[in-house]
Amino acid sequence: MLLPNSYFVKICGITNIKDAEAACMFGASAIGFIGYPKSKRYISSYNVKSIASEIHNRFPKVRQVGVFVDEDILKIIDYINAGIDVVQLHGNETLDYVDKLKAVCKDIEVWRAIRLKDKSDIINLERYRVEKYLIDSFVKGEAGGTGVVCDWRLARFAVQTLPRPVILAGGLSASNFLEAMESVKPFGVDVSSGVELSPGVKDHSLMKAFLQKAKGKV
């Protein structure tokens, strides 16, 4: 099966320049930085700045995404100033929070993520005025990056129901990628633990294999 070369792939949980450069060279559409201090993949806005600057210069078409969980908007602005151009909200952020964020950060794209439990989560997600949605697996007490496969049946319902593009996350790897795409048919995918040696440290061979498969090259 050949997939279109424009297929959107985000490599998330980037913590260092070598992994960021490798992800981009292998063909990632976006890289993600975790701005959630409780995460094992957390990276400060200060450390994001040097990575983001280098990636912007060498790979200007690659989106740079900051991932946040119920964070103060002023803290998010620090990451925007460091170079991210997408804000992904992965907590319990309200409609009012999103509207305020978009009012303050007018040129930034906003994605709303949900840890999917049932159809009501999807219906609620539709109310958010954002550019993209991200569907992740639900694991109690965890905000993401668990390696647990999402409920693809519910994810497919999200793709069919939601009015804007849906990105699929949750337990993806090169071995289950094609099956996930056939089952869900999302706009794109987000992978973190499936291409890691350890939390925040990427396995370059796994990243390459995943991106080759996502680009229809194998």
Protein backbone atom coordinates (compact mmCIF):
# COMPACT_ATOMS: atom_id res chain seq x y z
CA MET A 1 0.00 0.00 0.00
CA LEU A 2 1.37 3.43 -0.97
CA LEU A 3 0.40 6.46 1.03
CA PRO A 4 0.56 10.05 -0.26
CA ASN A 5 3.86 11.85 0.24
CA SER A 6 1.98 14.71 1.92
CA TYR A 7 0.87 12.48 4.80
CA PHE A 8 1.25 14.43 8.06
CA VAL A 9 3.54 12.89 10.71
CA LYS A 10 4.47 14.53 14.02
CA ILE A 11 7.36 13.16 16.07
CA CYS A 12 6.64 14.22 19.64
CA GLY A 13 8.67 14.30 22.85
CA ILE A 14 11.77 15.90 21.30
CA THR A 15 14.34 16.95 23.92
CA ASN A 16 17.58 17.46 21.96
CA ILE A 17 18.86 18.82 18.67
CA LYS A 18 20.18 15.49 17.32
CA ASP A 19 16.76 13.86 17.56
CA ALA A 20 15.07 16.95 16.13
CA GLU A 21 17.41 17.04 13.13
CA ALA A 22 17.03 13.31 12.49
CA ALA A 23 13.23 13.50 12.61
CA CYS A 24 13.27 16.32 10.07
CA MET A 25 15.81 14.63 7.78
CA PHE A 26 13.71 11.46 7.77
CA GLY A 27 10.67 13.47 6.66
CA ALA A 28 8.67 14.51 9.72
CA SER A 29 6.00 17.12 9.08
CA ALA A 30 6.21 18.38 12.67
CA ILE A 31 8.16 17.91 15.87
CA GLY A 32 6.71 18.28 19.35
CA PHE A 33 8.14 19.71 22.56
CA ILE A 34 6.50 18.79 25.88
CA GLY A 35 6.02 21.85 28.07
CA TYR A 36 4.44 19.87 30.90
CA PRO A 37 6.83 19.76 33.89
CA LYS A 38 5.48 16.43 35.17
CA SER A 39 6.33 14.66 31.92
CA LYS A 40 9.45 12.52 31.55
CA ARG A 41 9.86 14.26 28.18
CA TYR A 42 9.64 17.81 29.55
CA ILE A 43 11.80 20.49 27.97
CA SER A 44 11.99 24.11 29.12
CA SER A 45 11.32 27.06 26.83
CA TYR A 46 14.99 28.03 27.27
CA ASN A 47 16.15 24.69 25.81
CA VAL A 48 13.50 24.74 23.10
CA LYS A 49 14.85 28.04 21.80
CA SER A 50 18.17 26.74 20.49
CA ILE A 51 16.55 23.68 18.91
CA ALA A 52 13.68 25.63 17.35
CA SER A 53 16.04 28.21 15.86
CA GLU A 54 18.21 25.57 14.21
CA ILE A 55 15.23 23.65 12.85
CA HIS A 56 13.61 26.81 11.53
CA ASN A 57 16.79 27.68 9.64
CA ARG A 58 17.41 24.21 8.21
CA PHE A 59 13.86 22.84 7.86
CA PRO A 60 11.56 25.89 7.62
CA LYS A 61 8.52 23.86 6.53
CA VAL A 62 8.52 21.63 9.63
CA ARG A 63 5.94 22.68 12.20
CA GLN A 64 7.19 23.08 15.78
CA VAL A 65 4.55 22.18 18.35
CA GLY A 66 4.45 22.96 22.05
CA VAL A 67 2.37 20.53 24.11
CA PHE A 68 0.80 21.84 27.32
CA VAL A 69 -1.44 20.58 30.11
CA ASP A 70 -3.56 23.24 31.84
CA GLU A 71 -0.68 25.70 31.60
CA ASP A 72 -0.74 29.43 32.35
CA ILE A 73 -0.99 31.35 29.08
CA LEU A 74 2.00 33.52 30.02
CA LYS A 75 4.11 30.35 30.22
CA ILE A 76 2.88 29.29 26.78
CA ILE A 77 3.93 32.69 25.44
CA ASP A 78 7.47 31.92 26.64
CA TYR A 79 7.49 28.88 24.35
CA ILE A 80 6.03 30.89 21.47
CA ASN A 81 8.83 33.40 21.90
CA ALA A 82 11.25 30.46 21.90
CA GLY A 83 10.07 29.48 18.42
CA ILE A 84 7.07 27.14 18.47
CA ASP A 85 4.34 27.89 15.94
CA VAL A 86 1.62 25.49 17.15
CA VAL A 87 0.10 25.14 20.62
CA GLN A 88 -1.33 21.71 21.46
CA LEU A 89 -3.59 21.64 24.50
CA HIS A 90 -3.64 18.26 26.22
CA GLY A 91 -5.37 18.94 29.54
CA ASN A 92 -8.77 20.13 30.74
CA GLU A 93 -8.63 23.51 29.03
CA THR A 94 -12.05 25.13 28.68
CA LEU A 95 -13.66 26.85 25.72
CA ASP A 96 -13.00 30.21 27.39
CA TYR A 97 -9.34 29.32 27.89
CA VAL A 98 -8.94 28.50 24.19
CA ASP A 99 -10.69 31.72 23.13
CA LYS A 100 -8.43 33.75 25.42
CA LEU A 101 -5.32 31.98 24.13
CA LYS A 102 -6.28 32.64 20.52
CA ALA A 103 -7.03 36.28 21.30
CA VAL A 104 -3.61 36.78 22.88
CA CYS A 105 -1.64 34.67 20.38
CA LYS A 106 -3.30 35.64 17.12
CA ASP A 107 -0.80 34.10 14.69
CA ILE A 108 -0.46 30.74 16.45
CA GLU A 109 -2.28 27.61 15.34
CA VAL A 110 -4.06 25.78 18.20
CA TRP A 111 -4.77 22.05 18.39
CA ARG A 112 -7.07 20.48 20.99
CA ALA A 113 -6.19 16.99 22.17
CA ILE A 114 -8.47 14.55 23.97
CA ARG A 115 -7.70 11.31 25.78
CA LEU A 116 -10.56 9.38 24.29
CA LYS A 117 -12.94 7.45 26.55
CA ASP A 118 -16.30 7.52 24.76
CA LYS A 119 -18.33 9.31 22.08
CA SER A 120 -19.27 12.14 24.44
CA ASP A 121 -15.62 13.24 24.43
CA ILE A 122 -15.80 13.63 20.67
CA ILE A 123 -19.04 15.60 20.75
CA ASN A 124 -17.52 17.93 23.35
CA LEU A 125 -14.37 18.37 21.26
CA GLU A 126 -16.40 19.70 18.34
CA ARG A 127 -17.22 22.83 20.36
CA TYR A 128 -13.60 24.04 20.43
CA ARG A 129 -12.61 26.73 17.92
CA VAL A 130 -9.26 25.24 16.94
CA GLU A 131 -7.43 24.32 13.73
CA LYS A 132 -6.92 20.60 14.41
CA TYR A 133 -7.91 17.88 16.85
CA LEU A 134 -5.68 15.17 18.29
CA ILE A 135 -7.10 11.87 19.50
CA ASP A 136 -5.02 10.01 22.09
CA SER A 137 -5.56 6.96 24.28
CA PHE A 138 -6.98 7.32 27.78
CA VAL A 139 -4.84 6.08 30.66
CA LYS A 140 -5.94 7.18 34.12
CA GLY A 141 -3.52 9.63 35.70
CA GLU A 142 -1.43 10.08 32.53
CA ALA A 143 -1.54 13.04 30.14
CA GLY A 144 -0.10 11.16 27.17
CA GLY A 145 2.96 9.36 25.82
CA THR A 146 1.90 6.07 27.42
CA GLY A 147 2.41 3.77 24.44
CA VAL A 148 -1.14 2.46 24.86
CA VAL A 149 -3.06 2.04 21.59
CA CYS A 150 -6.06 4.30 21.17
CA ASP A 151 -9.56 2.89 20.59
CA TRP A 152 -9.50 2.99 16.79
CA ARG A 153 -13.24 2.46 16.50
CA LEU A 154 -13.91 5.64 18.47
CA ALA A 155 -11.09 7.43 16.66
CA ARG A 156 -12.73 6.59 13.32
CA PHE A 157 -15.99 8.05 14.63
CA ALA A 158 -14.05 11.22 15.50
CA VAL A 159 -12.67 11.46 11.96
CA GLN A 160 -16.17 11.05 10.54
CA THR A 161 -17.78 13.50 12.98
CA LEU A 162 -15.41 16.37 13.66
CA PRO A 163 -15.38 19.36 11.27
CA ARG A 164 -11.60 19.82 11.14
CA PRO A 165 -8.56 17.55 10.59
CA VAL A 166 -7.91 14.78 13.13
CA ILE A 167 -4.46 13.56 14.14
CA LEU A 168 -4.23 10.07 15.62
CA ALA A 169 -1.91 9.31 18.55
CA GLY A 170 -1.56 6.49 21.05
CA GLY A 171 0.68 3.45 20.79
CA LEU A 172 1.64 3.87 17.15
CA SER A 173 4.73 2.23 15.67
CA ALA A 174 5.98 1.09 12.29
CA SER A 175 4.45 -2.35 12.94
CA ASN A 176 0.84 -1.16 13.41
CA PHE A 177 0.90 2.03 11.34
CA LEU A 178 -0.79 0.72 8.19
CA GLU A 179 -3.49 -1.06 10.17
CA ALA A 180 -4.21 2.14 12.10
CA MET A 181 -4.48 4.17 8.89
CA GLU A 182 -6.84 1.67 7.31
CA SER A 183 -9.01 1.56 10.44
CA VAL A 184 -9.12 5.27 11.29
CA LYS A 185 -8.19 7.24 8.13
CA PRO A 186 -6.97 10.33 10.00
CA PHE A 187 -5.38 13.45 8.52
CA GLY A 188 -2.12 12.56 10.21
CA VAL A 189 -0.41 10.78 13.07
CA ASP A 190 1.56 11.62 16.21
CA VAL A 191 4.18 9.21 17.56
CA SER A 192 6.41 9.44 20.62
CA SER A 193 7.09 6.29 22.67
CA GLY A 194 6.91 4.09 19.55
CA VAL A 195 10.17 5.59 18.26
CA GLU A 196 12.11 5.88 21.54
CA LEU A 197 15.02 4.25 23.29
CA SER A 198 13.77 5.79 26.55
CA PRO A 199 11.44 8.70 27.39
CA GLY A 200 12.78 11.76 25.57
CA VAL A 201 15.54 9.87 23.73
CA LYS A 202 14.65 8.81 20.19
CA ASP A 203 15.77 5.68 18.38
CA HIS A 204 16.80 6.99 14.97
CA SER A 205 16.33 3.63 13.24
CA LEU A 206 12.76 3.41 14.57
CA MET A 207 12.02 6.99 13.52
CA LYS A 208 13.34 6.29 10.03
CA ALA A 209 11.32 3.07 9.71
CA PHE A 210 8.15 4.78 10.90
CA LEU A 211 8.52 7.76 8.56
CA GLN A 212 9.40 5.57 5.59
CA LYS A 213 6.26 3.57 6.12
CA ALA A 214 4.18 6.72 6.65
CA LYS A 215 5.50 8.16 3.39
CA GLY A 216 4.75 4.99 1.47
CA LYS A 217 8.40 4.23 0.78
CA VAL A 218 8.37 0.65 2.07
